[in-house]
């Protein structure tokens, strides 16, 4: 019975942990690329749009995951 009551908080905790780990890995990749090219990381407008659309695609896939 307790497991049925905690599913929301467990889902939020798991999502938070996954988001934090994926953000950390993305940051490490950006740092690694910057060190290889010996430049500061910069995000252009086009890269920002691509990143945002990619993130929306992932969120859409996750929202459709349990629907059908």
PDB file of N, CA and C in Angstrom:
ATOM      1  N   UNK A   1       0.824  -1.200   0.000  1.00  0.00           N
ATOM      2  CA  UNK A   1       0.000   0.000   0.000  1.00  0.00           C
ATOM      3  C   UNK A   1       0.867   1.262   0.000  1.00  0.00           C
ATOM      4  N   UNK A   2       1.976   1.211   0.733  1.00  0.00           N
ATOM      5  CA  UNK A   2       2.852   2.367   0.834  1.00  0.00           C
ATOM      6  C   UNK A   2       3.481   2.701  -0.514  1.00  0.00           C
ATOM      7  N   UNK A   3       3.794   1.678  -1.303  1.00  0.00           N
ATOM      8  CA  UNK A   3       4.402   1.886  -2.615  1.00  0.00           C
ATOM      9  C   UNK A   3       3.450   2.607  -3.557  1.00  0.00           C
ATOM     10  N   UNK A   4       2.153   2.320  -3.465  1.00  0.00           N
ATOM     11  CA  UNK A   4       1.164   2.978  -4.319  1.00  0.00           C
ATOM     12  C   UNK A   4       1.021   4.455  -3.969  1.00  0.00           C
ATOM     13  N   UNK A   5       1.253   4.814  -2.725  1.00  0.00           N
ATOM     14  CA  UNK A   5       1.119   6.196  -2.298  1.00  0.00           C
ATOM     15  C   UNK A   5       2.344   7.033  -2.639  1.00  0.00           C
ATOM     16  N   UNK A   6       3.499   6.410  -2.774  1.00  0.00           N
ATOM     17  CA  UNK A   6       4.743   7.148  -2.998  1.00  0.00           C
ATOM     18  C   UNK A   6       5.168   7.188  -4.455  1.00  0.00           C
ATOM     19  N   UNK A   7       4.367   6.749  -5.376  1.00  0.00           N
ATOM     20  CA  UNK A   7       4.801   6.669  -6.769  1.00  0.00           C
ATOM     21  C   UNK A   7       5.099   8.046  -7.359  1.00  0.00           C
ATOM     22  N   UNK A   8       4.366   9.062  -6.940  1.00  0.00           N
ATOM     23  CA  UNK A   8       4.611  10.404  -7.469  1.00  0.00           C
ATOM     24  C   UNK A   8       5.950  10.949  -6.999  1.00  0.00           C
ATOM     25  N   UNK A   9       6.227  10.845  -5.718  1.00  0.00           N
ATOM     26  CA  UNK A   9       7.499  11.356  -5.206  1.00  0.00           C
ATOM     27  C   UNK A   9       8.665  10.525  -5.726  1.00  0.00           C
ATOM     28  N   UNK A  10       8.490   9.219  -5.885  1.00  0.00           N
ATOM     29  CA  UNK A  10       9.546   8.386  -6.457  1.00  0.00           C
ATOM     30  C   UNK A  10       9.823   8.770  -7.906  1.00  0.00           C
ATOM     31  N   UNK A  11       8.773   9.060  -8.663  1.00  0.00           N
ATOM     32  CA  UNK A  11       8.937   9.472 -10.056  1.00  0.00           C
ATOM     33  C   UNK A  11       9.653  10.809 -10.148  1.00  0.00           C
ATOM     34  N   UNK A  12       9.284  11.759  -9.298  1.00  0.00           N
ATOM     35  CA  UNK A  12       9.952  13.063  -9.286  1.00  0.00           C
ATOM     36  C   UNK A  12      11.424  12.939  -8.895  1.00  0.00           C
ATOM     37  N   UNK A  13      11.715  12.111  -7.917  1.00  0.00           N
ATOM     38  CA  UNK A  13      13.092  11.917  -7.480  1.00  0.00           C
ATOM     39  C   UNK A  13      13.924  11.275  -8.588  1.00  0.00           C
ATOM     40  N   UNK A  14      13.392  10.258  -9.228  1.00  0.00           N
ATOM     41  CA  UNK A  14      14.111   9.590 -10.311  1.00  0.00           C
ATOM     42  C   UNK A  14      14.337  10.542 -11.484  1.00  0.00           C
ATOM     43  N   UNK A  15      13.330  11.312 -11.856  1.00  0.00           N
ATOM     44  CA  UNK A  15      13.471  12.282 -12.938  1.00  0.00           C
ATOM     45  C   UNK A  15      14.506  13.349 -12.620  1.00  0.00           C
ATOM     46  N   UNK A  16      14.535  13.800 -11.373  1.00  0.00           N
ATOM     47  CA  UNK A  16      15.518  14.794 -10.946  1.00  0.00           C
ATOM     48  C   UNK A  16      16.929  14.231 -11.028  1.00  0.00           C
ATOM     49  N   UNK A  17      17.109  13.011 -10.574  1.00  0.00           N
ATOM     50  CA  UNK A  17      18.430  12.384 -10.624  1.00  0.00           C
ATOM     51  C   UNK A  17      18.896  12.173 -12.059  1.00  0.00           C
ATOM     52  N   UNK A  18      18.013  11.712 -12.919  1.00  0.00           N
ATOM     53  CA  UNK A  18      18.366  11.498 -14.326  1.00  0.00           C
ATOM     54  C   UNK A  18      18.725  12.827 -14.986  1.00  0.00           C
ATOM     55  N   UNK A  19      17.952  13.868 -14.707  1.00  0.00           N
ATOM     56  CA  UNK A  19      18.237  15.191 -15.265  1.00  0.00           C
ATOM     57  C   UNK A  19      19.567  15.747 -14.785  1.00  0.00           C
ATOM     58  N   UNK A  20      19.868  15.561 -13.514  1.00  0.00           N
ATOM     59  CA  UNK A  20      21.130  16.067 -12.972  1.00  0.00           C
ATOM     60  C   UNK A  20      22.321  15.329 -13.572  1.00  0.00           C
ATOM     61  N   UNK A  21      22.211  14.018 -13.688  1.00  0.00           N
ATOM     62  CA  UNK A  21      23.315  13.234 -14.252  1.00  0.00           C
ATOM     63  C   UNK A  21      23.511  13.561 -15.730  1.00  0.00           C
ATOM     64  N   UNK A  22      22.426  13.683 -16.479  1.00  0.00           N
ATOM     65  CA  UNK A  22      22.576  14.004 -17.905  1.00  0.00           C
ATOM     66  C   UNK A  22      23.119  15.420 -18.094  1.00  0.00           C
ATOM     67  N   UNK A  23      22.734  16.356 -17.241  1.00  0.00           N
ATOM     68  CA  UNK A  23      23.286  17.708 -17.305  1.00  0.00           C
ATOM     69  C   UNK A  23      24.768  17.735 -16.976  1.00  0.00           C
ATOM     70  N   UNK A  24      25.170  16.946 -15.996  1.00  0.00           N
ATOM     71  CA  UNK A  24      26.577  16.848 -15.638  1.00  0.00           C
ATOM     72  C   UNK A  24      27.394  16.270 -16.790  1.00  0.00           C
ATOM     73  N   UNK A  25      26.883  15.211 -17.420  1.00  0.00           N
ATOM     74  CA  UNK A  25      27.593  14.608 -18.555  1.00  0.00           C
ATOM     75  C   UNK A  25      27.689  15.578 -19.727  1.00  0.00           C
ATOM     76  N   UNK A  26      26.630  16.325 -19.981  1.00  0.00           N
ATOM     77  CA  UNK A  26      26.663  17.307 -21.066  1.00  0.00           C
ATOM     78  C   UNK A  26      27.704  18.385 -20.771  1.00  0.00           C
ATOM     79  N   UNK A  27      27.780  18.831 -19.538  1.00  0.00           N
ATOM     80  CA  UNK A  27      28.770  19.840 -19.155  1.00  0.00           C
ATOM     81  C   UNK A  27      30.185  19.317 -19.323  1.00  0.00           C
ATOM     82  N   UNK A  28      30.402  18.066 -18.948  1.00  0.00           N
ATOM     83  CA  UNK A  28      31.728  17.474 -19.110  1.00  0.00           C
ATOM     84  C   UNK A  28      32.119  17.379 -20.584  1.00  0.00           C
ATOM     85  N   UNK A  29      31.162  17.057 -21.438  1.00  0.00           N
ATOM     86  CA  UNK A  29      31.448  16.993 -22.874  1.00  0.00           C
ATOM     87  C   UNK A  29      31.793  18.374 -23.435  1.00  0.00           C
ATOM     88  N   UNK A  30      31.085  19.399 -22.985  1.00  0.00           N
ATOM     89  CA  UNK A  30      31.369  20.765 -23.440  1.00  0.00           C
ATOM     90  C   UNK A  30      32.754  21.196 -22.978  1.00  0.00           C
ATOM     91  N   UNK A  31      33.102  20.882 -21.741  1.00  0.00           N
ATOM     92  CA  UNK A  31      34.427  21.226 -21.220  1.00  0.00           C
ATOM     93  C   UNK A  31      35.515  20.494 -21.998  1.00  0.00           C
ATOM     94  N   UNK A  32      35.296  19.225 -22.263  1.00  0.00           N
ATOM     95  CA  UNK A  32      36.279  18.438 -23.003  1.00  0.00           C
ATOM     96  C   UNK A  32      36.499  19.001 -24.412  1.00  0.00           C
ATOM     97  N   UNK A  33      35.414  19.374 -25.087  1.00  0.00           N
ATOM     98  CA  UNK A  33      35.540  19.950 -26.426  1.00  0.00           C
ATOM     99  C   UNK A  33      36.267  21.293 -26.391  1.00  0.00           C
ATOM    100  N   UNK A  34      35.971  22.089 -25.372  1.00  0.00           N
ATOM    101  CA  UNK A  34      36.631  23.391 -25.241  1.00  0.00           C
ATOM    102  C   UNK A  34      38.127  23.241 -24.977  1.00  0.00           C
ATOM    103  N   UNK A  35      38.486  22.249 -24.186  1.00  0.00           N
ATOM    104  CA  UNK A  35      39.900  22.019 -23.913  1.00  0.00           C
ATOM    105  C   UNK A  35      40.635  21.535 -25.160  1.00  0.00           C
ATOM    106  N   UNK A  36      39.983  20.713 -25.989  1.00  0.00           N
ATOM    107  CA  UNK A  36      40.609  20.240 -27.224  1.00  0.00           C
ATOM    108  C   UNK A  36      40.850  21.378 -28.208  1.00  0.00           C
ATOM    109  N   UNK A  37      39.866  22.261 -28.336  1.00  0.00           N
ATOM    110  CA  UNK A  37      39.975  23.364 -29.295  1.00  0.00           C
ATOM    111  C   UNK A  37      40.636  24.594 -28.695  1.00  0.00           C
ATOM    112  N   UNK A  38      40.874  24.564 -27.388  1.00  0.00           N
ATOM    113  CA  UNK A  38      41.478  25.678 -26.652  1.00  0.00           C
ATOM    114  C   UNK A  38      40.710  26.984 -26.859  1.00  0.00           C
ATOM    115  N   UNK A  39      39.385  26.893 -26.813  1.00  0.00           N
ATOM    116  CA  UNK A  39      38.513  28.060 -26.910  1.00  0.00           C
ATOM    117  C   UNK A  39      37.479  28.003 -25.795  1.00  0.00           C
ATOM    118  N   UNK A  40      36.863  29.135 -25.540  1.00  0.00           N
ATOM    119  CA  UNK A  40      35.772  29.170 -24.569  1.00  0.00           C
ATOM    120  C   UNK A  40      34.500  28.641 -25.225  1.00  0.00           C
ATOM    121  N   UNK A  41      33.675  27.921 -24.466  1.00  0.00           N
ATOM    122  CA  UNK A  41      32.430  27.423 -25.055  1.00  0.00           C
ATOM    123  C   UNK A  41      31.463  28.571 -25.329  1.00  0.00           C
ATOM    124  N   UNK A  42      30.885  28.564 -26.523  1.00  0.00           N
ATOM    125  CA  UNK A  42      29.898  29.572 -26.896  1.00  0.00           C
ATOM    126  C   UNK A  42      28.714  28.854 -27.532  1.00  0.00           C
ATOM    127  N   UNK A  43      27.536  29.348 -27.248  1.00  0.00           N
ATOM    128  CA  UNK A  43      26.316  28.783 -27.808  1.00  0.00           C
ATOM    129  C   UNK A  43      25.708  29.816 -28.746  1.00  0.00           C
ATOM    130  N   UNK A  44      25.707  29.497 -30.042  1.00  0.00           N
ATOM    131  CA  UNK A  44      25.126  30.430 -31.004  1.00  0.00           C
ATOM    132  C   UNK A  44      23.605  30.289 -30.985  1.00  0.00           C
ATOM    133  N   UNK A  45      22.944  31.212 -31.634  1.00  0.00           N
ATOM    134  CA  UNK A  45      21.476  31.174 -31.688  1.00  0.00           C
ATOM    135  C   UNK A  45      21.004  29.900 -32.394  1.00  0.00           C
ATOM    136  N   UNK A  46      21.667  29.537 -33.479  1.00  0.00           N
ATOM    137  CA  UNK A  46      21.281  28.332 -34.216  1.00  0.00           C
ATOM    138  C   UNK A  46      21.467  27.072 -33.390  1.00  0.00           C
ATOM    139  N   UNK A  47      22.574  27.005 -32.646  1.00  0.00           N
ATOM    140  CA  UNK A  47      22.806  25.849 -31.779  1.00  0.00           C
ATOM    141  C   UNK A  47      21.777  25.796 -30.651  1.00  0.00           C
ATOM    142  N   UNK A  48      21.398  26.958 -30.142  1.00  0.00           N
ATOM    143  CA  UNK A  48      20.386  27.017 -29.092  1.00  0.00           C
ATOM    144  C   UNK A  48      19.033  26.517 -29.572  1.00  0.00           C
ATOM    145  N   UNK A  49      18.684  26.891 -30.801  1.00  0.00           N
ATOM    146  CA  UNK A  49      17.415  26.420 -31.375  1.00  0.00           C
ATOM    147  C   UNK A  49      17.456  24.905 -31.574  1.00  0.00           C
ATOM    148  N   UNK A  50      18.567  24.389 -32.097  1.00  0.00           N
ATOM    149  CA  UNK A  50      18.699  22.942 -32.294  1.00  0.00           C
ATOM    150  C   UNK A  50      18.614  22.192 -30.976  1.00  0.00           C
ATOM    151  N   UNK A  51      19.267  22.731 -29.963  1.00  0.00           N
ATOM    152  CA  UNK A  51      19.240  22.112 -28.645  1.00  0.00           C
ATOM    153  C   UNK A  51      17.826  22.109 -28.062  1.00  0.00           C
ATOM    154  N   UNK A  52      17.142  23.233 -28.186  1.00  0.00           N
ATOM    155  CA  UNK A  52      15.766  23.326 -27.672  1.00  0.00           C
ATOM    156  C   UNK A  52      14.816  22.388 -28.384  1.00  0.00           C
ATOM    157  N   UNK A  53      14.926  22.295 -29.704  1.00  0.00           N
ATOM    158  CA  UNK A  53      14.054  21.390 -30.456  1.00  0.00           C
ATOM    159  C   UNK A  53      14.357  19.937 -30.132  1.00  0.00           C
ATOM    160  N   UNK A  54      15.626  19.625 -29.936  1.00  0.00           N
ATOM    161  CA  UNK A  54      15.989  18.267 -29.540  1.00  0.00           C
ATOM    162  C   UNK A  54      15.407  17.902 -28.186  1.00  0.00           C
ATOM    163  N   UNK A  55      15.474  18.840 -27.264  1.00  0.00           N
ATOM    164  CA  UNK A  55      14.917  18.610 -25.924  1.00  0.00           C
ATOM    165  C   UNK A  55      13.402  18.454 -25.983  1.00  0.00           C
ATOM    166  N   UNK A  56      12.739  19.262 -26.793  1.00  0.00           N
ATOM    167  CA  UNK A  56      11.285  19.118 -26.949  1.00  0.00           C
ATOM    168  C   UNK A  56      10.926  17.754 -27.538  1.00  0.00           C
ATOM    169  N   UNK A  57      11.744  17.279 -28.472  1.00  0.00           N
ATOM    170  CA  UNK A  57      11.508  15.955 -29.048  1.00  0.00           C
ATOM    171  C   UNK A  57      11.616  14.849 -28.004  1.00  0.00           C
ATOM    172  N   UNK A  58      12.617  14.960 -27.132  1.00  0.00           N
ATOM    173  CA  UNK A  58      12.780  13.966 -26.069  1.00  0.00           C
ATOM    174  C   UNK A  58      11.597  14.018 -25.107  1.00  0.00           C
ATOM    175  N   UNK A  59      11.189  15.223 -24.725  1.00  0.00           N
ATOM    176  CA  UNK A  59      10.052  15.360 -23.806  1.00  0.00           C
ATOM    177  C   UNK A  59       8.761  14.832 -24.433  1.00  0.00           C
ATOM    178  N   UNK A  60       8.568  15.061 -25.723  1.00  0.00           N
ATOM    179  CA  UNK A  60       7.383  14.535 -26.417  1.00  0.00           C
ATOM    180  C   UNK A  60       7.402  13.022 -26.414  1.00  0.00           C
ATOM    181  N   UNK A  61       8.561  12.433 -26.684  1.00  0.00           N
ATOM    182  CA  UNK A  61       8.683  10.977 -26.675  1.00  0.00           C
ATOM    183  C   UNK A  61       8.371  10.413 -25.290  1.00  0.00           C
ATOM    184  N   UNK A  62       8.853  11.082 -24.255  1.00  0.00           N
ATOM    185  CA  UNK A  62       8.572  10.620 -22.898  1.00  0.00           C
ATOM    186  C   UNK A  62       7.092  10.743 -22.550  1.00  0.00           C
ATOM    187  N   UNK A  63       6.451  11.794 -23.013  1.00  0.00           N
ATOM    188  CA  UNK A  63       5.024  11.963 -22.709  1.00  0.00           C
ATOM    189  C   UNK A  63       4.163  10.952 -23.458  1.00  0.00           C
ATOM    190  N   UNK A  64       4.610  10.519 -24.633  1.00  0.00           N
ATOM    191  CA  UNK A  64       3.876   9.514 -25.404  1.00  0.00           C
ATOM    192  C   UNK A  64       4.166   8.103 -24.937  1.00  0.00           C
ATOM    193  N   UNK A  65       5.195   7.928 -24.136  1.00  0.00           N
ATOM    194  CA  UNK A  65       5.671   6.602 -23.738  1.00  0.00           C
ATOM    195  C   UNK A  65       4.591   5.765 -23.057  1.00  0.00           C
ATOM    196  N   UNK A  66       3.904   6.315 -22.081  1.00  0.00           N
ATOM    197  CA  UNK A  66       2.927   5.539 -21.331  1.00  0.00           C
ATOM    198  C   UNK A  66       1.496   5.741 -21.780  1.00  0.00           C
ATOM    199  N   UNK A  67       1.274   6.493 -22.832  1.00  0.00           N
ATOM    200  CA  UNK A  67      -0.080   6.864 -23.226  1.00  0.00           C
ATOM    201  C   UNK A  67      -0.887   5.791 -23.929  1.00  0.00           C
ATOM    202  N   UNK A  68      -0.226   4.900 -24.668  1.00  0.00           N
ATOM    203  CA  UNK A  68      -0.996   3.965 -25.490  1.00  0.00           C
ATOM    204  C   UNK A  68      -0.881   2.548 -25.016  1.00  0.00           C
TER     205      UNK A  68
END
